[in-house]
Amino acid sequence: MIKASLIISFYNNVEYLKLIAASLERQSFRDFEIIIADDGSNQESINKVEKLSAKLPFPLKHVWQEDKRFRKNKILNKAVCASSSDYLIFIDGDCVPHSLFIKEHYDHKKEGNCFTGRRVNLSLKITALLTESSIKNGYLENRFLDEDTNFFITKYPFLFVRRAKS
């Protein structure tokens, strides 16, 4: 049985999903599955998710529901039912996990508790610089302070979140 299920809420933004997948390839803890909780993405996005799934070194399940406006919680519940694990970790589809993210969650799990973490909102400038390759090479984890952007990173596991346009 797989030890952890990472459930990613998703709607049509495959480019961010590719960034997440690149970060998941860096995870130090490898005994996990990915479940895409898709709240009604279009067929083009579904096809791209299937192509991405074929490239990944771990199992990916795609749970989809028809687009009837925002029903994120309903699709998350369906993703929970599709899980092969007793330990669930949830992230949004615009969050790029640190390489220790899943390990830290799993190592600190305790029955009856909910483990939460922190995140760093990225500037638009940093978000624009992100690529699958840069993430696979540890770009986000190797930065400490950029004087132009005031972007500060510690070495502790958390999520890097893209900043929405103003």
N, C-alpha and C. Protein backbone atom coordinates (compact mmCIF):
# COMPACT_ATOMS: atom_id res chain seq x y z
N MET A 1 0.84 -1.18 0.00
CA MET A 1 0.00 0.00 0.00
C MET A 1 0.89 1.25 0.00
N ILE A 2 0.49 2.22 -0.78
CA ILE A 2 1.19 3.50 -0.85
C ILE A 2 1.05 4.21 0.48
N LYS A 3 2.10 4.89 0.94
CA LYS A 3 2.10 5.50 2.26
C LYS A 3 1.39 6.86 2.31
N ALA A 4 1.40 7.61 1.22
CA ALA A 4 0.79 8.95 1.23
C ALA A 4 0.16 9.26 -0.12
N SER A 5 -0.91 10.01 -0.07
CA SER A 5 -1.58 10.50 -1.28
C SER A 5 -1.52 12.02 -1.28
N LEU A 6 -0.97 12.58 -2.33
CA LEU A 6 -0.94 14.03 -2.51
C LEU A 6 -2.10 14.39 -3.43
N ILE A 7 -3.06 15.12 -2.88
CA ILE A 7 -4.25 15.51 -3.64
C ILE A 7 -4.08 16.96 -4.06
N ILE A 8 -4.13 17.19 -5.36
CA ILE A 8 -3.90 18.52 -5.93
C ILE A 8 -5.21 19.01 -6.55
N SER A 9 -5.76 20.11 -6.01
CA SER A 9 -6.94 20.70 -6.64
C SER A 9 -6.51 21.37 -7.94
N PHE A 10 -7.31 21.19 -8.98
CA PHE A 10 -6.88 21.57 -10.33
C PHE A 10 -8.06 22.05 -11.16
N TYR A 11 -7.77 23.05 -12.00
CA TYR A 11 -8.74 23.49 -13.00
C TYR A 11 -7.99 24.15 -14.16
N ASN A 12 -7.78 23.43 -15.23
CA ASN A 12 -7.28 23.91 -16.52
C ASN A 12 -5.85 24.45 -16.58
N ASN A 13 -5.17 24.68 -15.49
CA ASN A 13 -3.85 25.29 -15.59
C ASN A 13 -2.74 24.24 -15.59
N VAL A 14 -2.53 23.64 -16.74
CA VAL A 14 -1.56 22.56 -16.89
C VAL A 14 -0.13 23.08 -16.73
N GLU A 15 0.12 24.32 -17.08
CA GLU A 15 1.48 24.86 -16.94
C GLU A 15 1.93 24.86 -15.48
N TYR A 16 1.06 25.25 -14.58
CA TYR A 16 1.41 25.19 -13.16
C TYR A 16 1.53 23.74 -12.70
N LEU A 17 0.68 22.87 -13.22
CA LEU A 17 0.76 21.46 -12.86
C LEU A 17 2.11 20.86 -13.27
N LYS A 18 2.64 21.29 -14.39
CA LYS A 18 3.97 20.82 -14.82
C LYS A 18 5.04 21.27 -13.82
N LEU A 19 4.91 22.47 -13.29
CA LEU A 19 5.86 22.96 -12.29
C LEU A 19 5.76 22.13 -11.00
N ILE A 20 4.55 21.82 -10.62
CA ILE A 20 4.35 20.97 -9.44
C ILE A 20 4.97 19.59 -9.68
N ALA A 21 4.73 19.02 -10.84
CA ALA A 21 5.29 17.71 -11.16
C ALA A 21 6.82 17.74 -11.11
N ALA A 22 7.42 18.81 -11.59
CA ALA A 22 8.88 18.93 -11.54
C ALA A 22 9.36 18.94 -10.09
N SER A 23 8.62 19.63 -9.23
CA SER A 23 9.01 19.65 -7.81
C SER A 23 8.79 18.29 -7.15
N LEU A 24 7.79 17.57 -7.59
CA LEU A 24 7.53 16.25 -7.00
C LEU A 24 8.61 15.25 -7.37
N GLU A 25 9.23 15.43 -8.51
CA GLU A 25 10.34 14.56 -8.89
C GLU A 25 11.53 14.75 -7.97
N ARG A 26 11.59 15.88 -7.25
CA ARG A 26 12.68 16.17 -6.31
C ARG A 26 12.38 15.68 -4.89
N GLN A 27 11.21 15.14 -4.65
CA GLN A 27 10.85 14.76 -3.30
C GLN A 27 11.79 13.70 -2.72
N SER A 28 12.21 13.91 -1.48
CA SER A 28 13.09 12.94 -0.82
C SER A 28 12.30 11.71 -0.38
N PHE A 29 11.01 11.86 -0.13
CA PHE A 29 10.10 10.76 0.22
C PHE A 29 9.43 10.33 -1.07
N ARG A 30 9.55 9.07 -1.44
CA ARG A 30 9.09 8.65 -2.78
C ARG A 30 7.85 7.74 -2.77
N ASP A 31 7.39 7.32 -1.61
CA ASP A 31 6.29 6.36 -1.56
C ASP A 31 4.94 7.09 -1.48
N PHE A 32 4.59 7.75 -2.58
CA PHE A 32 3.34 8.50 -2.62
C PHE A 32 2.72 8.40 -4.01
N GLU A 33 1.45 8.72 -4.05
CA GLU A 33 0.73 8.83 -5.31
C GLU A 33 0.21 10.26 -5.43
N ILE A 34 -0.08 10.64 -6.64
CA ILE A 34 -0.68 11.95 -6.90
C ILE A 34 -2.12 11.71 -7.36
N ILE A 35 -3.01 12.50 -6.81
CA ILE A 35 -4.39 12.47 -7.28
C ILE A 35 -4.75 13.90 -7.69
N ILE A 36 -5.06 14.06 -8.96
CA ILE A 36 -5.49 15.34 -9.49
C ILE A 36 -7.00 15.44 -9.27
N ALA A 37 -7.42 16.39 -8.45
CA ALA A 37 -8.84 16.62 -8.18
C ALA A 37 -9.29 17.73 -9.13
N ASP A 38 -9.83 17.35 -10.26
CA ASP A 38 -10.11 18.25 -11.37
C ASP A 38 -11.57 18.71 -11.35
N ASP A 39 -11.76 19.99 -11.11
CA ASP A 39 -13.10 20.57 -11.00
C ASP A 39 -13.63 21.03 -12.35
N GLY A 40 -13.59 20.15 -13.35
CA GLY A 40 -14.25 20.42 -14.61
C GLY A 40 -13.40 20.99 -15.72
N SER A 41 -12.12 20.66 -15.76
CA SER A 41 -11.25 21.16 -16.83
C SER A 41 -11.74 20.72 -18.20
N ASN A 42 -11.33 21.47 -19.22
CA ASN A 42 -11.73 21.15 -20.59
C ASN A 42 -10.94 19.95 -21.13
N GLN A 43 -11.37 19.44 -22.26
CA GLN A 43 -10.76 18.24 -22.84
C GLN A 43 -9.28 18.43 -23.17
N GLU A 44 -8.92 19.60 -23.65
CA GLU A 44 -7.52 19.87 -23.96
C GLU A 44 -6.64 19.72 -22.71
N SER A 45 -7.10 20.26 -21.60
CA SER A 45 -6.35 20.14 -20.35
C SER A 45 -6.30 18.70 -19.87
N ILE A 46 -7.41 17.99 -20.02
CA ILE A 46 -7.45 16.57 -19.63
C ILE A 46 -6.41 15.78 -20.43
N ASN A 47 -6.34 16.04 -21.72
CA ASN A 47 -5.35 15.34 -22.57
C ASN A 47 -3.92 15.65 -22.12
N LYS A 48 -3.67 16.90 -21.75
CA LYS A 48 -2.33 17.29 -21.29
C LYS A 48 -1.99 16.63 -19.96
N VAL A 49 -2.96 16.49 -19.08
CA VAL A 49 -2.73 15.81 -17.80
C VAL A 49 -2.37 14.35 -18.06
N GLU A 50 -3.05 13.71 -19.00
CA GLU A 50 -2.76 12.31 -19.35
C GLU A 50 -1.34 12.17 -19.89
N LYS A 51 -0.91 13.10 -20.73
CA LYS A 51 0.46 13.07 -21.25
C LYS A 51 1.47 13.27 -20.13
N LEU A 52 1.20 14.19 -19.23
CA LEU A 52 2.08 14.43 -18.09
C LEU A 52 2.18 13.19 -17.21
N SER A 53 1.07 12.53 -17.01
CA SER A 53 1.03 11.34 -16.17
C SER A 53 1.96 10.25 -16.69
N ALA A 54 2.04 10.11 -17.98
CA ALA A 54 2.88 9.08 -18.60
C ALA A 54 4.36 9.32 -18.35
N LYS A 55 4.75 10.56 -18.08
CA LYS A 55 6.16 10.92 -17.88
C LYS A 55 6.62 10.80 -16.44
N LEU A 56 5.69 10.67 -15.51
CA LEU A 56 6.03 10.73 -14.09
C LEU A 56 6.50 9.38 -13.54
N PRO A 57 7.42 9.40 -12.57
CA PRO A 57 7.95 8.16 -12.00
C PRO A 57 7.10 7.63 -10.83
N PHE A 58 5.92 8.16 -10.63
CA PHE A 58 5.04 7.70 -9.56
C PHE A 58 3.61 7.70 -10.08
N PRO A 59 2.73 6.96 -9.39
CA PRO A 59 1.35 6.85 -9.89
C PRO A 59 0.59 8.17 -9.81
N LEU A 60 -0.21 8.42 -10.83
CA LEU A 60 -1.07 9.59 -10.87
C LEU A 60 -2.48 9.15 -11.23
N LYS A 61 -3.44 9.58 -10.45
CA LYS A 61 -4.85 9.35 -10.74
C LYS A 61 -5.47 10.70 -11.06
N HIS A 62 -6.34 10.70 -12.04
CA HIS A 62 -7.02 11.94 -12.44
C HIS A 62 -8.51 11.75 -12.16
N VAL A 63 -9.02 12.48 -11.19
CA VAL A 63 -10.43 12.40 -10.82
C VAL A 63 -11.08 13.69 -11.32
N TRP A 64 -12.09 13.54 -12.16
CA TRP A 64 -12.69 14.68 -12.86
C TRP A 64 -14.18 14.74 -12.58
N GLN A 65 -14.71 15.94 -12.56
CA GLN A 65 -16.16 16.13 -12.53
C GLN A 65 -16.53 17.22 -13.52
N GLU A 66 -17.76 17.17 -13.98
CA GLU A 66 -18.26 18.15 -14.94
C GLU A 66 -18.18 19.56 -14.35
N ASP A 67 -17.88 20.52 -15.24
CA ASP A 67 -17.78 21.92 -14.83
C ASP A 67 -19.18 22.51 -14.61
N LYS A 68 -19.51 22.69 -13.35
CA LYS A 68 -20.78 23.34 -12.98
C LYS A 68 -20.47 24.48 -12.01
N ARG A 69 -19.47 25.27 -12.38
CA ARG A 69 -18.95 26.35 -11.55
C ARG A 69 -18.05 25.76 -10.47
N PHE A 70 -17.73 26.54 -9.48
CA PHE A 70 -16.77 26.17 -8.44
C PHE A 70 -17.38 25.13 -7.50
N ARG A 71 -16.85 23.88 -7.58
CA ARG A 71 -17.28 22.80 -6.69
C ARG A 71 -16.04 22.06 -6.18
N LYS A 72 -15.08 22.82 -5.75
CA LYS A 72 -13.79 22.27 -5.32
C LYS A 72 -13.95 21.21 -4.22
N ASN A 73 -14.73 21.49 -3.22
CA ASN A 73 -14.85 20.55 -2.11
C ASN A 73 -15.44 19.22 -2.54
N LYS A 74 -16.36 19.26 -3.48
CA LYS A 74 -16.96 18.01 -3.97
C LYS A 74 -15.91 17.15 -4.68
N ILE A 75 -15.08 17.76 -5.51
CA ILE A 75 -14.07 16.97 -6.22
C ILE A 75 -12.97 16.51 -5.26
N LEU A 76 -12.67 17.30 -4.24
CA LEU A 76 -11.71 16.85 -3.23
C LEU A 76 -12.22 15.62 -2.51
N ASN A 77 -13.51 15.58 -2.21
CA ASN A 77 -14.09 14.39 -1.57
C ASN A 77 -13.97 13.18 -2.48
N LYS A 78 -14.20 13.37 -3.78
CA LYS A 78 -14.05 12.25 -4.73
C LYS A 78 -12.60 11.79 -4.79
N ALA A 79 -11.67 12.72 -4.71
CA ALA A 79 -10.25 12.37 -4.72
C ALA A 79 -9.88 11.57 -3.48
N VAL A 80 -10.42 11.94 -2.34
CA VAL A 80 -10.19 11.18 -1.11
C VAL A 80 -10.65 9.73 -1.30
N CYS A 81 -11.82 9.56 -1.88
CA CYS A 81 -12.35 8.21 -2.12
C CYS A 81 -11.47 7.41 -3.08
N ALA A 82 -10.78 8.09 -3.98
CA ALA A 82 -9.91 7.42 -4.96
C ALA A 82 -8.53 7.10 -4.40
N SER A 83 -8.25 7.59 -3.21
CA SER A 83 -6.93 7.43 -2.62
C SER A 83 -6.62 5.97 -2.28
N SER A 84 -5.34 5.61 -2.42
CA SER A 84 -4.88 4.27 -2.06
C SER A 84 -4.15 4.28 -0.72
N SER A 85 -4.18 5.38 -0.02
CA SER A 85 -3.40 5.57 1.19
C SER A 85 -4.29 6.03 2.33
N ASP A 86 -3.78 5.83 3.55
CA ASP A 86 -4.48 6.32 4.74
C ASP A 86 -4.02 7.72 5.12
N TYR A 87 -2.98 8.23 4.46
CA TYR A 87 -2.45 9.55 4.81
C TYR A 87 -2.62 10.48 3.62
N LEU A 88 -3.35 11.57 3.81
CA LEU A 88 -3.69 12.48 2.74
C LEU A 88 -3.03 13.84 2.95
N ILE A 89 -2.47 14.38 1.87
CA ILE A 89 -1.88 15.72 1.87
C ILE A 89 -2.56 16.49 0.75
N PHE A 90 -2.99 17.70 1.05
CA PHE A 90 -3.71 18.51 0.07
C PHE A 90 -2.90 19.76 -0.29
N ILE A 91 -2.84 20.07 -1.59
CA ILE A 91 -2.29 21.35 -2.04
C ILE A 91 -3.16 21.88 -3.18
N ASP A 92 -3.04 23.18 -3.41
CA ASP A 92 -3.72 23.80 -4.55
C ASP A 92 -2.85 23.65 -5.79
N GLY A 93 -3.46 23.81 -6.94
CA GLY A 93 -2.79 23.63 -8.21
C GLY A 93 -1.83 24.73 -8.61
N ASP A 94 -1.55 25.66 -7.72
CA ASP A 94 -0.55 26.69 -8.01
C ASP A 94 0.55 26.70 -6.95
N CYS A 95 0.69 25.59 -6.23
CA CYS A 95 1.69 25.48 -5.16
C CYS A 95 2.80 24.51 -5.57
N VAL A 96 4.02 24.93 -5.40
CA VAL A 96 5.19 24.12 -5.77
C VAL A 96 5.85 23.64 -4.47
N PRO A 97 5.74 22.36 -4.14
CA PRO A 97 6.28 21.88 -2.87
C PRO A 97 7.81 21.81 -2.83
N HIS A 98 8.34 22.14 -1.68
CA HIS A 98 9.76 21.97 -1.37
C HIS A 98 10.10 20.47 -1.45
N SER A 99 11.35 20.13 -1.67
CA SER A 99 11.75 18.72 -1.84
C SER A 99 11.55 17.88 -0.59
N LEU A 100 11.40 18.49 0.57
CA LEU A 100 11.15 17.75 1.81
C LEU A 100 9.68 17.79 2.24
N PHE A 101 8.84 18.36 1.41
CA PHE A 101 7.45 18.61 1.79
C PHE A 101 6.71 17.33 2.20
N ILE A 102 6.71 16.32 1.37
CA ILE A 102 5.96 15.11 1.68
C ILE A 102 6.62 14.35 2.83
N LYS A 103 7.95 14.30 2.84
CA LYS A 103 8.68 13.63 3.93
C LYS A 103 8.33 14.24 5.28
N GLU A 104 8.35 15.56 5.37
CA GLU A 104 8.05 16.23 6.63
C GLU A 104 6.62 15.97 7.06
N HIS A 105 5.70 16.01 6.11
CA HIS A 105 4.32 15.67 6.45
C HIS A 105 4.24 14.26 7.01
N TYR A 106 4.82 13.32 6.30
CA TYR A 106 4.71 11.92 6.71
C TYR A 106 5.45 11.64 8.02
N ASP A 107 6.63 12.19 8.18
CA ASP A 107 7.42 11.96 9.39
C ASP A 107 6.75 12.52 10.65
N HIS A 108 5.93 13.54 10.49
CA HIS A 108 5.30 14.18 11.65
C HIS A 108 3.83 13.81 11.81
N LYS A 109 3.37 12.85 11.04
CA LYS A 109 1.95 12.49 11.13
C LYS A 109 1.64 11.89 12.50
N LYS A 110 0.44 12.15 12.95
CA LYS A 110 -0.02 11.63 14.23
C LYS A 110 -1.52 11.41 14.12
N GLU A 111 -1.97 10.23 14.45
CA GLU A 111 -3.38 9.92 14.31
C GLU A 111 -4.26 10.94 15.03
N GLY A 112 -5.30 11.36 14.33
CA GLY A 112 -6.24 12.31 14.90
C GLY A 112 -5.82 13.77 14.75
N ASN A 113 -4.66 14.02 14.16
CA ASN A 113 -4.18 15.39 13.99
C ASN A 113 -4.17 15.79 12.52
N CYS A 114 -4.27 17.08 12.30
CA CYS A 114 -4.15 17.65 10.96
C CYS A 114 -2.88 18.48 10.95
N PHE A 115 -1.97 18.16 10.05
CA PHE A 115 -0.69 18.84 9.96
C PHE A 115 -0.78 19.90 8.88
N THR A 116 -0.46 21.13 9.21
CA THR A 116 -0.49 22.21 8.23
C THR A 116 0.92 22.79 8.09
N GLY A 117 1.13 23.52 7.03
CA GLY A 117 2.45 24.10 6.79
C GLY A 117 2.31 25.55 6.38
N ARG A 118 3.44 26.12 6.07
CA ARG A 118 3.43 27.51 5.65
C ARG A 118 3.77 27.59 4.17
N ARG A 119 3.61 28.76 3.65
CA ARG A 119 3.89 28.97 2.23
C ARG A 119 4.53 30.32 2.04
N VAL A 120 5.13 30.49 0.89
CA VAL A 120 5.72 31.76 0.49
C VAL A 120 5.06 32.18 -0.80
N ASN A 121 4.47 33.36 -0.82
CA ASN A 121 3.89 33.88 -2.05
C ASN A 121 5.02 34.46 -2.90
N LEU A 122 5.11 34.00 -4.12
CA LEU A 122 6.15 34.47 -5.02
C LEU A 122 5.72 35.76 -5.71
N SER A 123 6.69 36.58 -5.99
CA SER A 123 6.41 37.78 -6.77
C SER A 123 6.12 37.36 -8.21
N LEU A 124 5.50 38.26 -8.95
CA LEU A 124 5.26 37.97 -10.37
C LEU A 124 6.58 37.79 -11.12
N LYS A 125 7.59 38.55 -10.71
CA LYS A 125 8.91 38.44 -11.36
C LYS A 125 9.49 37.04 -11.18
N ILE A 126 9.44 36.51 -9.97
CA ILE A 126 9.96 35.16 -9.72
C ILE A 126 9.10 34.12 -10.42
N THR A 127 7.78 34.28 -10.34
CA THR A 127 6.89 33.33 -11.01
C THR A 127 7.22 33.23 -12.50
N ALA A 128 7.50 34.36 -13.12
CA ALA A 128 7.82 34.39 -14.55
C ALA A 128 9.12 33.65 -14.87
N LEU A 129 9.99 33.52 -13.89
CA LEU A 129 11.27 32.83 -14.11
C LEU A 129 11.19 31.32 -13.92
N LEU A 130 10.09 30.83 -13.39
CA LEU A 130 9.98 29.41 -13.10
C LEU A 130 9.78 28.58 -14.36
N THR A 131 10.56 27.52 -14.45
CA THR A 131 10.42 26.53 -15.51
C THR A 131 10.52 25.15 -14.87
N GLU A 132 10.11 24.13 -15.60
CA GLU A 132 10.27 22.77 -15.08
C GLU A 132 11.74 22.49 -14.79
N SER A 133 12.60 22.90 -15.68
CA SER A 133 14.03 22.67 -15.53
C SER A 133 14.60 23.40 -14.31
N SER A 134 14.23 24.66 -14.13
CA SER A 134 14.78 25.41 -13.00
C SER A 134 14.32 24.80 -11.67
N ILE A 135 13.09 24.34 -11.62
CA ILE A 135 12.59 23.71 -10.39
C ILE A 135 13.31 22.39 -10.15
N LYS A 136 13.49 21.59 -11.20
CA LYS A 136 14.21 20.31 -11.04
C LYS A 136 15.64 20.53 -10.57
N ASN A 137 16.20 21.69 -10.90
CA ASN A 137 17.57 22.01 -10.49
C ASN A 137 17.63 22.73 -9.15
N GLY A 138 16.49 22.85 -8.46
CA GLY A 138 16.47 23.42 -7.12
C GLY A 138 16.46 24.93 -7.07
N TYR A 139 16.05 25.59 -8.14
CA TYR A 139 16.06 27.05 -8.20
C TYR A 139 15.42 27.69 -6.97
N LEU A 140 14.22 27.26 -6.63
CA LEU A 140 13.51 27.88 -5.51
C LEU A 140 14.19 27.60 -4.17
N GLU A 141 14.71 26.42 -4.02
CA GLU A 141 15.30 26.03 -2.74
C GLU A 141 16.69 26.58 -2.54
N ASN A 142 17.32 27.04 -3.57
CA ASN A 142 18.69 27.53 -3.47
C ASN A 142 18.79 29.05 -3.37
N ARG A 143 17.67 29.73 -3.30
CA ARG A 143 17.66 31.19 -3.21
C ARG A 143 17.43 31.60 -1.77
N PHE A 144 18.05 32.66 -1.35
CA PHE A 144 17.85 33.14 0.01
C PHE A 144 17.25 34.54 0.02
N LEU A 145 17.92 35.50 -0.58
CA LEU A 145 17.36 36.84 -0.63
C LEU A 145 17.77 37.49 -1.94
N ASP A 146 16.79 37.91 -2.68
CA ASP A 146 17.05 38.62 -3.93
C ASP A 146 16.73 40.09 -3.66
N GLU A 147 17.73 40.94 -3.73
CA GLU A 147 17.54 42.34 -3.39
C GLU A 147 16.55 43.05 -4.31
N ASP A 148 16.41 42.57 -5.55
CA ASP A 148 15.47 43.22 -6.46
C ASP A 148 14.02 42.91 -6.12
N THR A 149 13.79 41.73 -5.55
CA THR A 149 12.41 41.30 -5.33
C THR A 149 12.06 41.13 -3.86
N ASN A 150 13.04 41.22 -2.96
CA ASN A 150 12.83 40.94 -1.55
C ASN A 150 12.26 39.55 -1.34
N PHE A 151 12.69 38.62 -2.15
CA PHE A 151 12.23 37.24 -2.10
C PHE A 151 13.13 36.47 -1.14
N PHE A 152 12.55 35.98 -0.04
CA PHE A 152 13.34 35.31 0.99
C PHE A 152 12.89 33.86 1.14
N ILE A 153 13.85 32.96 1.18
CA ILE A 153 13.57 31.54 1.33
C ILE A 153 14.44 30.97 2.43
N THR A 154 13.86 30.14 3.26
CA THR A 154 14.65 29.38 4.23
C THR A 154 14.80 27.97 3.67
N LYS A 155 15.54 27.12 4.37
CA LYS A 155 15.71 25.74 3.91
C LYS A 155 14.66 24.81 4.50
N TYR A 156 13.61 25.35 5.10
CA TYR A 156 12.58 24.52 5.69
C TYR A 156 11.50 24.21 4.66
N PRO A 157 10.90 23.02 4.77
CA PRO A 157 9.93 22.60 3.76
C PRO A 157 8.61 23.35 3.85
N PHE A 158 8.24 23.95 2.79
CA PHE A 158 6.96 24.62 2.67
C PHE A 158 6.61 24.71 1.21
N LEU A 159 5.54 25.36 0.94
CA LEU A 159 5.08 25.54 -0.43
C LEU A 159 5.48 26.90 -0.95
N PHE A 160 5.82 26.95 -2.21
CA PHE A 160 6.04 28.20 -2.91
C PHE A 160 4.78 28.43 -3.74
N VAL A 161 4.15 29.57 -3.58
CA VAL A 161 2.88 29.82 -4.25
C VAL A 161 3.04 30.99 -5.20
N ARG A 162 2.57 30.81 -6.41
CA ARG A 162 2.66 31.90 -7.37
C ARG A 162 1.72 33.00 -6.92
N ARG A 163 2.06 34.23 -7.24
CA ARG A 163 1.24 35.37 -6.88
C ARG A 163 0.32 35.71 -8.06
N ALA A 164 -0.94 35.88 -7.76
CA ALA A 164 -1.89 36.25 -8.80
C ALA A 164 -1.61 37.66 -9.29
N LYS A 165 -1.94 37.90 -10.53
CA LYS A 165 -1.75 39.24 -11.09
C LYS A 165 -2.65 40.23 -10.38
N SER A 166 -2.12 41.42 -10.17
CA SER A 166 -2.91 42.47 -9.48
C SER A 166 -3.91 43.09 -10.40
